[in-house]
Each structure stands twice: as structure tokens, then as C-alpha cells.
Amino acid sequence: MQCETDKATIDYEEHGEGRPILFLHGWTMAREVEASVYEKIFATRPGWRRIYPDLPGMGRSVAKPGLASQDDVLETLLTFIDRVLPAGRFVLAGTSLGAYLARAIAARRRSRIAGLLLRVPAIFAEDARRTLPPFQPLVQDDALMATLDAEARATFTNVLVQTPAYLETARQRWQALIQPAIQATRPIAMEIRGDPERYAFSFDLLEAEKAFEEPTLIVAARQDITVGYRDAWTILDSYPRATFAVVDRADHGWPVEKPDLLAALIDDWLARIAERDT
């Protein structure tokens, strides 16, 4: 399905029926990455209409002339929401930079958001503002890593758990989801990513998001060297109904190996949303 806006053609897919929940993927990713995580969870939980858009210039969504900044991406997503979900309240989930966008959407459409999920969230778009832990593999196997060819070593140099099983899981996910998404990303998205002033919002998101009172779930990964975990703690007071979890043995790709933990956290989050709406 497609939705036309002034600055992008948003390509998206839907699954199921019921209450809408909108999922936003990370930068240079695509909707298949989100669906691979959440469909296993929501397919067994009836009553949810799952909506997965590709961000402008990523996946199968096309950026039009005039889309040049994160503000433009936000404007496009707000238009998409107003057209695809013209009435009623819905639930919103964002991953990585998708969480950065989700926070802004929740601030701009506050009365319509029934619940918010931020997974491995980018609190700051600008790399220089992020507090990142140093990389240190939890299980190190130099002999195993030495068996990889040069391309694989470059791709998986920061693999967190250096075991055959973990490495194979990472390889399969890279080949099936991550690499195709990166390859499909258009130049405009890469240009925005390369300019901190265009990649960040022009307004103060930390101020705009204050006092969001709907049930929220924030999940950070303890070994995340892409967005870190400490910055997520700094927004907690802006979300008085938030559960905050920092997961050990987890990097920016979480929950690749621990989907049951995310499912349990989501069950609690959905129960809190249902309770508040009764």
C-alpha cells in the first residue's frame, strides 16, 4: 500500500485487525526489520492492526524533492498518520532513530497516542551527543574470528558473543534483513544522516516530550555501542508511566536472541494500556 504526501510516497504494509499500532524502523533500515521482531509477538495476540511503513528514502518509500531534513521526515510521518489513521487513538513503537521520531510524534499528536514503546532508542540524533559504552565482547574467541574471511571479519568485528551459534544468528539476520535495507537506502537519506544539523530536529525534543502520561516502555541494551543506554535514563522523568529496562548481553540488534523477554515486557505494556483505557 502507498500513501502520497507532499514530500514522500510512503510505502507500507498492514497485518491483522483491531486497534492500530504503528511501528517505525531505524535509519537506513526497512519495515521488514521491524516486522521480523514484532510479528512473532503480535501474531499470537489478536485484536491488533499492525502498520509498518518504510521511512522516506528507505525501503520502498520514495523521498520527493523538498525532503531534506529530519523535520521534513517528521512532517511526512504526521501527514501519513493523519491520512492512514484519521480518527481515534493508536499505539506507537519506534526503534533506534525510529524511537527519536516516535517521541516527536507523541509530542505532536499527544492526545491520540494511547501508548509508546521505545526500543534501543536514539535519544540524541547527533553522534557527538551520545554516551556510548566501549566495545568489549562478552564471550571472546579469537580462533573463531580468525576463521572468517576479510569481508565477514569487517562486518562482524563488533559481534558481542563470539560463539558459532551467535555468529550464525547475526550472519543470517545481516544477509536477510540488514544488508538489503542498507543497500535500498536512497542517497537523500544518507545525506541527511551525514549532516548533524539536518539529522536532528530543529526544535528541542527534550522539552517537547515532557509529561507524556500514557503507558510507555523504554528498553535499552547494556552493550549498545550505536546509541548507548545511559542517555535513555535522562528522559525517564518526561514519561511518568514508563517502565525502563536495561538488558544485559544485548547490543543494538536486541532482541535477536531473546524474543521471549521482549514479549513479556510488551505483555505488561499492553496490559497497562488496556487498564488505562477502561
C-alpha atoms as a PDB file:
ATOM      1  CA  MET A   1       0.000   0.000   0.000  1.00  0.00           C
ATOM      2  CA  GLN A   2       1.061   3.569  -0.571  1.00  0.00           C
ATOM      3  CA  CYS A   3       0.269   6.958   0.894  1.00  0.00           C
ATOM      4  CA  GLU A   4       1.131  10.121  -1.025  1.00  0.00           C
ATOM      5  CA  THR A   5       2.353  13.167   0.868  1.00  0.00           C
ATOM      6  CA  ASP A   6       3.900  16.403  -0.338  1.00  0.00           C
ATOM      7  CA  LYS A   7       7.445  15.231   0.356  1.00  0.00           C
ATOM      8  CA  ALA A   8       7.358  11.449   0.043  1.00  0.00           C
ATOM      9  CA  THR A   9       5.480   8.427  -1.190  1.00  0.00           C
ATOM     10  CA  ILE A  10       5.208   6.216   1.874  1.00  0.00           C
ATOM     11  CA  ASP A  11       5.045   2.507   1.132  1.00  0.00           C
ATOM     12  CA  TYR A  12       3.627   0.427   3.979  1.00  0.00           C
ATOM     13  CA  GLU A  13       2.040  -2.876   4.895  1.00  0.00           C
ATOM     14  CA  GLU A  14      -0.601  -3.919   7.396  1.00  0.00           C
ATOM     15  CA  HIS A  15      -1.345  -7.123   9.286  1.00  0.00           C
ATOM     16  CA  GLY A  16      -4.336  -8.048  11.404  1.00  0.00           C
ATOM     17  CA  GLU A  17      -7.385  -6.129  12.527  1.00  0.00           C
ATOM     18  CA  GLY A  18      -8.297  -4.171  15.624  1.00  0.00           C
ATOM     19  CA  ARG A  19      -6.570  -1.390  17.478  1.00  0.00           C
ATOM     20  CA  PRO A  20      -3.868   0.271  15.364  1.00  0.00           C
ATOM     21  CA  ILE A  21      -0.216   0.046  16.357  1.00  0.00           C
ATOM     22  CA  LEU A  22       2.339   1.843  14.208  1.00  0.00           C
ATOM     23  CA  PHE A  23       5.965   0.638  14.041  1.00  0.00           C
ATOM     24  CA  LEU A  24       8.854   2.884  12.949  1.00  0.00           C
ATOM     25  CA  HIS A  25      12.172   1.346  11.961  1.00  0.00           C
ATOM     26  CA  GLY A  26      15.668   2.787  12.372  1.00  0.00           C
ATOM     27  CA  TRP A  27      17.592   4.907   9.895  1.00  0.00           C
ATOM     28  CA  THR A  28      18.846   3.064   6.773  1.00  0.00           C
ATOM     29  CA  MET A  29      16.662   0.121   7.786  1.00  0.00           C
ATOM     30  CA  ALA A  30      13.299  -1.011   6.365  1.00  0.00           C
ATOM     31  CA  ARG A  31       9.958  -2.225   7.641  1.00  0.00           C
ATOM     32  CA  GLU A  32      10.941  -5.892   7.280  1.00  0.00           C
ATOM     33  CA  VAL A  33      13.368  -5.420  10.167  1.00  0.00           C
ATOM     34  CA  GLU A  34      10.546  -4.348  12.485  1.00  0.00           C
ATOM     35  CA  ALA A  35       8.147  -6.991  11.219  1.00  0.00           C
ATOM     36  CA  SER A  36      10.745  -9.705  11.856  1.00  0.00           C
ATOM     37  CA  VAL A  37      10.730  -8.726  15.536  1.00  0.00           C
ATOM     38  CA  TYR A  38       7.097  -7.858  16.197  1.00  0.00           C
ATOM     39  CA  GLU A  39       5.060 -10.182  14.017  1.00  0.00           C
ATOM     40  CA  LYS A  40       6.190 -13.174  16.099  1.00  0.00           C
ATOM     41  CA  ILE A  41       4.796 -11.377  19.129  1.00  0.00           C
ATOM     42  CA  PHE A  42       1.580  -9.830  17.801  1.00  0.00           C
ATOM     43  CA  ALA A  43       0.542 -12.682  15.522  1.00  0.00           C
ATOM     44  CA  THR A  44      -0.475 -14.583  18.667  1.00  0.00           C
ATOM     45  CA  ARG A  45      -2.175 -11.561  20.250  1.00  0.00           C
ATOM     46  CA  PRO A  46      -5.440 -10.909  18.356  1.00  0.00           C
ATOM     47  CA  GLY A  47      -7.058  -7.502  18.157  1.00  0.00           C
ATOM     48  CA  TRP A  48      -4.155  -5.503  16.782  1.00  0.00           C
ATOM     49  CA  ARG A  49      -3.853  -3.843  13.385  1.00  0.00           C
ATOM     50  CA  ARG A  50      -0.096  -3.667  12.823  1.00  0.00           C
ATOM     51  CA  ILE A  51       1.108  -0.930  10.456  1.00  0.00           C
ATOM     52  CA  TYR A  52       4.677  -0.976   9.151  1.00  0.00           C
ATOM     53  CA  PRO A  53       5.759   1.974   6.958  1.00  0.00           C
ATOM     54  CA  ASP A  54       9.135   2.469   5.324  1.00  0.00           C
ATOM     55  CA  LEU A  55      10.634   5.827   6.225  1.00  0.00           C
ATOM     56  CA  PRO A  56      11.140   8.277   3.329  1.00  0.00           C
ATOM     57  CA  GLY A  57      14.094   7.294   1.165  1.00  0.00           C
ATOM     58  CA  MET A  58      14.312   3.862   2.777  1.00  0.00           C
ATOM     59  CA  GLY A  59      12.842   0.501   1.889  1.00  0.00           C
ATOM     60  CA  ARG A  60      10.229   1.074  -0.813  1.00  0.00           C
ATOM     61  CA  SER A  61       9.309   4.624   0.241  1.00  0.00           C
ATOM     62  CA  VAL A  62      10.424   7.387  -2.107  1.00  0.00           C
ATOM     63  CA  ALA A  63      11.516  10.836  -0.989  1.00  0.00           C
ATOM     64  CA  LYS A  64      10.324  13.672  -3.205  1.00  0.00           C
ATOM     65  CA  PRO A  65      12.134  16.944  -3.930  1.00  0.00           C
ATOM     66  CA  GLY A  66      11.862  19.139  -0.859  1.00  0.00           C
ATOM     67  CA  LEU A  67      12.549  16.439   1.713  1.00  0.00           C
ATOM     68  CA  ALA A  68      15.907  17.478   3.138  1.00  0.00           C
ATOM     69  CA  SER A  69      15.888  17.124   6.939  1.00  0.00           C
ATOM     70  CA  GLN A  70      14.552  15.237   9.943  1.00  0.00           C
ATOM     71  CA  ASP A  71      11.925  17.948  10.349  1.00  0.00           C
ATOM     72  CA  ASP A  72      10.695  17.036   6.865  1.00  0.00           C
ATOM     73  CA  VAL A  73      10.617  13.340   7.776  1.00  0.00           C
ATOM     74  CA  LEU A  74       8.554  14.141  10.869  1.00  0.00           C
ATOM     75  CA  GLU A  75       6.154  16.309   8.861  1.00  0.00           C
ATOM     76  CA  THR A  76       5.759  13.484   6.338  1.00  0.00           C
ATOM     77  CA  LEU A  77       5.023  10.916   9.040  1.00  0.00           C
ATOM     78  CA  LEU A  78       2.457  13.178  10.693  1.00  0.00           C
ATOM     79  CA  THR A  79       0.698  13.544   7.348  1.00  0.00           C
ATOM     80  CA  PHE A  80       0.865   9.785   6.831  1.00  0.00           C
ATOM     81  CA  ILE A  81      -0.716   9.210  10.249  1.00  0.00           C
ATOM     82  CA  ASP A  82      -3.471  11.754   9.660  1.00  0.00           C
ATOM     83  CA  ARG A  83      -4.383  10.038   6.377  1.00  0.00           C
ATOM     84  CA  VAL A  84      -3.995   6.364   7.286  1.00  0.00           C
ATOM     85  CA  LEU A  85      -5.316   6.790  10.850  1.00  0.00           C
ATOM     86  CA  PRO A  86      -7.617   9.815  10.516  1.00  0.00           C
ATOM     87  CA  ALA A  87      -9.507   9.274  13.773  1.00  0.00           C
ATOM     88  CA  GLY A  88      -9.185   7.613  17.138  1.00  0.00           C
ATOM     89  CA  ARG A  89      -6.265   6.710  19.348  1.00  0.00           C
ATOM     90  CA  PHE A  90      -3.437   4.387  18.387  1.00  0.00           C
ATOM     91  CA  VAL A  91      -0.291   2.872  19.838  1.00  0.00           C
ATOM     92  CA  LEU A  92       3.180   3.810  18.645  1.00  0.00           C
ATOM     93  CA  ALA A  93       6.515   1.958  18.668  1.00  0.00           C
ATOM     94  CA  GLY A  94       9.910   3.087  17.430  1.00  0.00           C
ATOM     95  CA  THR A  95      13.350   1.508  17.221  1.00  0.00           C
ATOM     96  CA  SER A  96      16.654   3.403  17.294  1.00  0.00           C
ATOM     97  CA  LEU A  97      16.175   6.587  15.219  1.00  0.00           C
ATOM     98  CA  GLY A  98      12.585   5.441  14.758  1.00  0.00           C
ATOM     99  CA  ALA A  99      12.217   5.950  18.508  1.00  0.00           C
ATOM    100  CA  TYR A 100      13.546   9.503  18.130  1.00  0.00           C
ATOM    101  CA  LEU A 101      10.804  10.106  15.574  1.00  0.00           C
ATOM    102  CA  ALA A 102       8.203   8.336  17.741  1.00  0.00           C
ATOM    103  CA  ARG A 103       8.971  10.650  20.674  1.00  0.00           C
ATOM    104  CA  ALA A 104       8.355  13.663  18.449  1.00  0.00           C
ATOM    105  CA  ILE A 105       5.127  12.190  17.071  1.00  0.00           C
ATOM    106  CA  ALA A 106       3.929  11.508  20.621  1.00  0.00           C
ATOM    107  CA  ALA A 107       4.662  15.130  21.491  1.00  0.00           C
ATOM    108  CA  ARG A 108       2.871  16.492  18.403  1.00  0.00           C
ATOM    109  CA  ARG A 109      -0.119  14.101  18.495  1.00  0.00           C
ATOM    110  CA  ARG A 110      -0.222  13.649  22.259  1.00  0.00           C
ATOM    111  CA  SER A 111      -3.989  13.263  22.614  1.00  0.00           C
ATOM    112  CA  ARG A 112      -4.074  10.457  20.038  1.00  0.00           C
ATOM    113  CA  ILE A 113      -1.288   8.238  21.391  1.00  0.00           C
ATOM    114  CA  ALA A 114      -2.509   5.518  23.778  1.00  0.00           C
ATOM    115  CA  GLY A 115       0.918   4.039  24.479  1.00  0.00           C
ATOM    116  CA  LEU A 116       4.547   4.370  23.438  1.00  0.00           C
ATOM    117  CA  LEU A 117       7.335   1.795  23.005  1.00  0.00           C
ATOM    118  CA  LEU A 118      10.952   2.904  22.573  1.00  0.00           C
ATOM    119  CA  ARG A 119      13.338   0.046  21.726  1.00  0.00           C
ATOM    120  CA  VAL A 120      17.106   0.697  21.765  1.00  0.00           C
ATOM    121  CA  PRO A 121      16.142   4.366  21.404  1.00  0.00           C
ATOM    122  CA  ALA A 122      18.320   7.086  19.934  1.00  0.00           C
ATOM    123  CA  ILE A 123      17.861   9.876  22.453  1.00  0.00           C
ATOM    124  CA  PHE A 124      20.131  12.204  20.502  1.00  0.00           C
ATOM    125  CA  ALA A 125      20.377  12.150  16.720  1.00  0.00           C
ATOM    126  CA  GLU A 126      23.820  13.726  16.775  1.00  0.00           C
ATOM    127  CA  ASP A 127      26.592  11.169  17.277  1.00  0.00           C
ATOM    128  CA  ALA A 128      28.683  13.651  19.280  1.00  0.00           C
ATOM    129  CA  ARG A 129      25.989  13.920  21.970  1.00  0.00           C
ATOM    130  CA  ARG A 130      25.629  10.181  22.561  1.00  0.00           C
ATOM    131  CA  THR A 131      27.126   8.479  25.608  1.00  0.00           C
ATOM    132  CA  LEU A 132      28.412   5.122  24.378  1.00  0.00           C
ATOM    133  CA  PRO A 133      29.972   2.220  26.263  1.00  0.00           C
ATOM    134  CA  PRO A 134      33.282   0.868  24.949  1.00  0.00           C
ATOM    135  CA  PHE A 135      33.017  -2.287  22.900  1.00  0.00           C
ATOM    136  CA  GLN A 136      34.058  -5.429  24.732  1.00  0.00           C
ATOM    137  CA  PRO A 137      32.889  -8.875  23.622  1.00  0.00           C
ATOM    138  CA  LEU A 138      31.213 -10.787  26.430  1.00  0.00           C
ATOM    139  CA  VAL A 139      32.499 -14.062  25.022  1.00  0.00           C
ATOM    140  CA  GLN A 140      35.755 -13.754  23.098  1.00  0.00           C
ATOM    141  CA  ASP A 141      37.048 -16.406  20.722  1.00  0.00           C
ATOM    142  CA  ASP A 142      39.952 -15.163  18.636  1.00  0.00           C
ATOM    143  CA  ALA A 143      40.329 -18.546  16.955  1.00  0.00           C
ATOM    144  CA  LEU A 144      36.721 -18.471  15.754  1.00  0.00           C
ATOM    145  CA  MET A 145      37.015 -14.902  14.463  1.00  0.00           C
ATOM    146  CA  ALA A 146      40.223 -15.830  12.628  1.00  0.00           C
ATOM    147  CA  THR A 147      38.296 -18.389  10.569  1.00  0.00           C
ATOM    148  CA  LEU A 148      36.179 -15.625   8.992  1.00  0.00           C
ATOM    149  CA  ASP A 149      37.135 -14.168   5.657  1.00  0.00           C
ATOM    150  CA  ALA A 150      38.075 -10.483   5.453  1.00  0.00           C
ATOM    151  CA  GLU A 151      34.577  -9.321   4.499  1.00  0.00           C
ATOM    152  CA  ALA A 152      32.929 -11.249   7.343  1.00  0.00           C
ATOM    153  CA  ARG A 153      35.509 -10.011   9.858  1.00  0.00           C
ATOM    154  CA  ALA A 154      34.791  -6.428   8.814  1.00  0.00           C
ATOM    155  CA  THR A 155      31.044  -6.956   9.097  1.00  0.00           C
ATOM    156  CA  PHE A 156      31.081  -8.773  12.427  1.00  0.00           C
ATOM    157  CA  THR A 157      34.077  -7.145  14.091  1.00  0.00           C
ATOM    158  CA  ASN A 158      31.828  -5.959  16.947  1.00  0.00           C
ATOM    159  CA  VAL A 159      29.886  -9.169  17.468  1.00  0.00           C
ATOM    160  CA  LEU A 160      29.029  -9.302  21.153  1.00  0.00           C
ATOM    161  CA  VAL A 161      29.145 -13.046  21.776  1.00  0.00           C
ATOM    162  CA  GLN A 162      31.787 -14.844  19.748  1.00  0.00           C
ATOM    163  CA  THR A 163      30.261 -18.301  19.563  1.00  0.00           C
ATOM    164  CA  PRO A 164      29.290 -20.233  16.422  1.00  0.00           C
ATOM    165  CA  ALA A 165      25.564 -20.071  17.240  1.00  0.00           C
ATOM    166  CA  TYR A 166      25.502 -16.340  17.986  1.00  0.00           C
ATOM    167  CA  LEU A 167      27.641 -15.556  14.961  1.00  0.00           C
ATOM    168  CA  GLU A 168      25.390 -17.628  12.701  1.00  0.00           C
ATOM    169  CA  THR A 169      22.299 -15.811  14.001  1.00  0.00           C
ATOM    170  CA  ALA A 170      23.987 -12.465  13.322  1.00  0.00           C
ATOM    171  CA  ARG A 171      25.045 -13.589   9.849  1.00  0.00           C
ATOM    172  CA  GLN A 172      21.550 -14.751   8.888  1.00  0.00           C
ATOM    173  CA  ARG A 173      19.970 -11.521  10.112  1.00  0.00           C
ATOM    174  CA  TRP A 174      22.555  -9.443   8.272  1.00  0.00           C
ATOM    175  CA  GLN A 175      22.044 -11.258   4.983  1.00  0.00           C
ATOM    176  CA  ALA A 176      18.246 -11.461   5.168  1.00  0.00           C
ATOM    177  CA  LEU A 177      17.378  -8.047   6.622  1.00  0.00           C
ATOM    178  CA  ILE A 178      20.122  -5.565   7.433  1.00  0.00           C
ATOM    179  CA  GLN A 179      22.256  -5.644   4.296  1.00  0.00           C
ATOM    180  CA  PRO A 180      19.273  -5.433   1.868  1.00  0.00           C
ATOM    181  CA  ALA A 181      17.836  -2.498   3.851  1.00  0.00           C
ATOM    182  CA  ILE A 182      21.118  -0.588   3.751  1.00  0.00           C
ATOM    183  CA  GLN A 183      21.513  -1.270   0.034  1.00  0.00           C
ATOM    184  CA  ALA A 184      17.980   0.012  -0.654  1.00  0.00           C
ATOM    185  CA  THR A 185      18.553   3.294   1.202  1.00  0.00           C
ATOM    186  CA  ARG A 186      18.468   6.273  -1.163  1.00  0.00           C
ATOM    187  CA  PRO A 187      21.209   8.933  -1.317  1.00  0.00           C
ATOM    188  CA  ILE A 188      18.997  11.600   0.300  1.00  0.00           C
ATOM    189  CA  ALA A 189      18.712   9.530   3.476  1.00  0.00           C
ATOM    190  CA  MET A 190      22.483   9.098   3.595  1.00  0.00           C
ATOM    191  CA  GLU A 191      22.961  12.837   3.037  1.00  0.00           C
ATOM    192  CA  ILE A 192      20.656  13.672   5.934  1.00  0.00           C
ATOM    193  CA  ARG A 193      22.469  11.124   8.112  1.00  0.00           C
ATOM    194  CA  GLY A 194      25.810  12.740   7.317  1.00  0.00           C
ATOM    195  CA  ASP A 195      24.769  16.239   8.400  1.00  0.00           C
ATOM    196  CA  PRO A 196      24.137  16.596  12.169  1.00  0.00           C
ATOM    197  CA  GLU A 197      22.075  19.756  11.672  1.00  0.00           C
ATOM    198  CA  ARG A 198      19.764  18.031   9.200  1.00  0.00           C
ATOM    199  CA  TYR A 199      19.676  14.701  11.058  1.00  0.00           C
ATOM    200  CA  ALA A 200      18.485  16.273  14.317  1.00  0.00           C
ATOM    201  CA  PHE A 201      15.221  18.143  14.796  1.00  0.00           C
ATOM    202  CA  SER A 202      15.385  21.926  14.712  1.00  0.00           C
ATOM    203  CA  PHE A 203      13.321  22.078  17.929  1.00  0.00           C
ATOM    204  CA  ASP A 204      14.091  20.944  21.471  1.00  0.00           C
ATOM    205  CA  LEU A 205      12.695  17.411  21.662  1.00  0.00           C
ATOM    206  CA  LEU A 206      13.709  17.021  25.309  1.00  0.00           C
ATOM    207  CA  GLU A 207      11.410  19.926  26.151  1.00  0.00           C
ATOM    208  CA  ALA A 208       8.599  18.949  23.782  1.00  0.00           C
ATOM    209  CA  GLU A 209       8.245  15.398  25.103  1.00  0.00           C
ATOM    210  CA  LYS A 210       7.834  16.323  28.778  1.00  0.00           C
ATOM    211  CA  ALA A 211       4.859  14.996  30.747  1.00  0.00           C
ATOM    212  CA  PHE A 212       3.750  12.281  28.331  1.00  0.00           C
ATOM    213  CA  GLU A 213       1.407  10.386  30.654  1.00  0.00           C
ATOM    214  CA  GLU A 214       0.384   7.329  28.651  1.00  0.00           C
ATOM    215  CA  PRO A 215       1.845   3.855  29.383  1.00  0.00           C
ATOM    216  CA  THR A 216       5.365   3.716  27.986  1.00  0.00           C
ATOM    217  CA  LEU A 217       8.028   1.034  27.650  1.00  0.00           C
ATOM    218  CA  ILE A 218      11.678   2.018  27.213  1.00  0.00           C
ATOM    219  CA  VAL A 219      14.138  -0.815  26.573  1.00  0.00           C
ATOM    220  CA  ALA A 220      17.854  -0.065  26.231  1.00  0.00           C
ATOM    221  CA  ALA A 221      20.676  -2.500  25.543  1.00  0.00           C
ATOM    222  CA  ARG A 222      23.572  -2.520  28.021  1.00  0.00           C
ATOM    223  CA  GLN A 223      26.229  -3.219  25.377  1.00  0.00           C
ATOM    224  CA  ASP A 224      24.759  -0.943  22.683  1.00  0.00           C
ATOM    225  CA  ILE A 225      27.664   0.907  21.048  1.00  0.00           C
ATOM    226  CA  THR A 226      25.393   2.626  18.495  1.00  0.00           C
ATOM    227  CA  VAL A 227      23.098   4.719  20.713  1.00  0.00           C
ATOM    228  CA  GLY A 228      24.190   3.596  24.182  1.00  0.00           C
ATOM    229  CA  TYR A 229      21.934   3.104  27.173  1.00  0.00           C
ATOM    230  CA  ARG A 230      22.729   5.927  29.614  1.00  0.00           C
ATOM    231  CA  ASP A 231      21.043   8.646  27.560  1.00  0.00           C
ATOM    232  CA  ALA A 232      17.702   6.840  27.735  1.00  0.00           C
ATOM    233  CA  TRP A 233      17.690   7.270  31.519  1.00  0.00           C
ATOM    234  CA  THR A 234      17.787  11.052  31.097  1.00  0.00           C
ATOM    235  CA  ILE A 235      14.284  11.207  29.581  1.00  0.00           C
ATOM    236  CA  LEU A 236      12.606   8.984  32.161  1.00  0.00           C
ATOM    237  CA  ASP A 237      11.088  11.856  34.158  1.00  0.00           C
ATOM    238  CA  SER A 238       9.304  13.006  30.997  1.00  0.00           C
ATOM    239  CA  TYR A 239       7.415   9.684  30.953  1.00  0.00           C
ATOM    240  CA  PRO A 240       5.819   9.206  34.395  1.00  0.00           C
ATOM    241  CA  ARG A 241       4.073   5.974  33.279  1.00  0.00           C
ATOM    242  CA  ALA A 242       7.213   4.382  31.836  1.00  0.00           C
ATOM    243  CA  THR A 243       8.775   1.018  32.564  1.00  0.00           C
ATOM    244  CA  PHE A 244      12.510   1.350  31.979  1.00  0.00           C
ATOM    245  CA  ALA A 245      14.639  -1.726  31.300  1.00  0.00           C
ATOM    246  CA  VAL A 246      18.339  -2.046  30.521  1.00  0.00           C
ATOM    247  CA  VAL A 247      19.063  -5.526  29.196  1.00  0.00           C
ATOM    248  CA  ASP A 248      22.433  -7.179  29.719  1.00  0.00           C
ATOM    249  CA  ARG A 249      24.008  -9.275  26.953  1.00  0.00           C
ATOM    250  CA  ALA A 250      22.297  -7.037  24.442  1.00  0.00           C
ATOM    251  CA  ASP A 251      23.526  -4.819  21.636  1.00  0.00           C
ATOM    252  CA  HIS A 252      21.751  -2.552  19.148  1.00  0.00           C
ATOM    253  CA  GLY A 253      20.184  -5.558  17.416  1.00  0.00           C
ATOM    254  CA  TRP A 254      18.334  -6.718  20.545  1.00  0.00           C
ATOM    255  CA  PRO A 255      16.215  -8.892  20.920  1.00  0.00           C
ATOM    256  CA  VAL A 256      17.600 -11.174  18.223  1.00  0.00           C
ATOM    257  CA  GLU A 257      18.354 -13.956  20.689  1.00  0.00           C
ATOM    258  CA  LYS A 258      15.836 -13.116  23.433  1.00  0.00           C
ATOM    259  CA  PRO A 259      12.437 -12.508  21.823  1.00  0.00           C
ATOM    260  CA  ASP A 260      10.640 -14.023  24.820  1.00  0.00           C
ATOM    261  CA  LEU A 261      11.927 -11.256  27.094  1.00  0.00           C
ATOM    262  CA  LEU A 262      10.632  -8.545  24.779  1.00  0.00           C
ATOM    263  CA  ALA A 263       7.305 -10.382  24.511  1.00  0.00           C
ATOM    264  CA  ALA A 264       6.957 -10.416  28.309  1.00  0.00           C
ATOM    265  CA  LEU A 265       7.717  -6.694  28.547  1.00  0.00           C
ATOM    266  CA  ILE A 266       5.216  -5.985  25.773  1.00  0.00           C
ATOM    267  CA  ASP A 267       2.525  -8.043  27.521  1.00  0.00           C
ATOM    268  CA  ASP A 268       2.910  -5.867  30.622  1.00  0.00           C
ATOM    269  CA  TRP A 269       2.890  -2.698  28.497  1.00  0.00           C
ATOM    270  CA  LEU A 270      -0.261  -3.717  26.611  1.00  0.00           C
ATOM    271  CA  ALA A 271      -1.983  -4.609  29.894  1.00  0.00           C
ATOM    272  CA  ARG A 272      -1.204  -1.139  31.229  1.00  0.00           C
ATOM    273  CA  ILE A 273      -2.610   0.428  28.062  1.00  0.00           C
ATOM    274  CA  ALA A 274      -5.808  -1.629  28.336  1.00  0.00           C
ATOM    275  CA  GLU A 275      -6.208  -0.765  32.025  1.00  0.00           C
ATOM    276  CA  ARG A 276      -5.860   2.959  31.373  1.00  0.00           C
ATOM    277  CA  ASP A 277      -8.427   2.867  28.590  1.00  0.00           C
ATOM    278  CA  THR A 278     -11.143   1.125  30.653  1.00  0.00           C
END
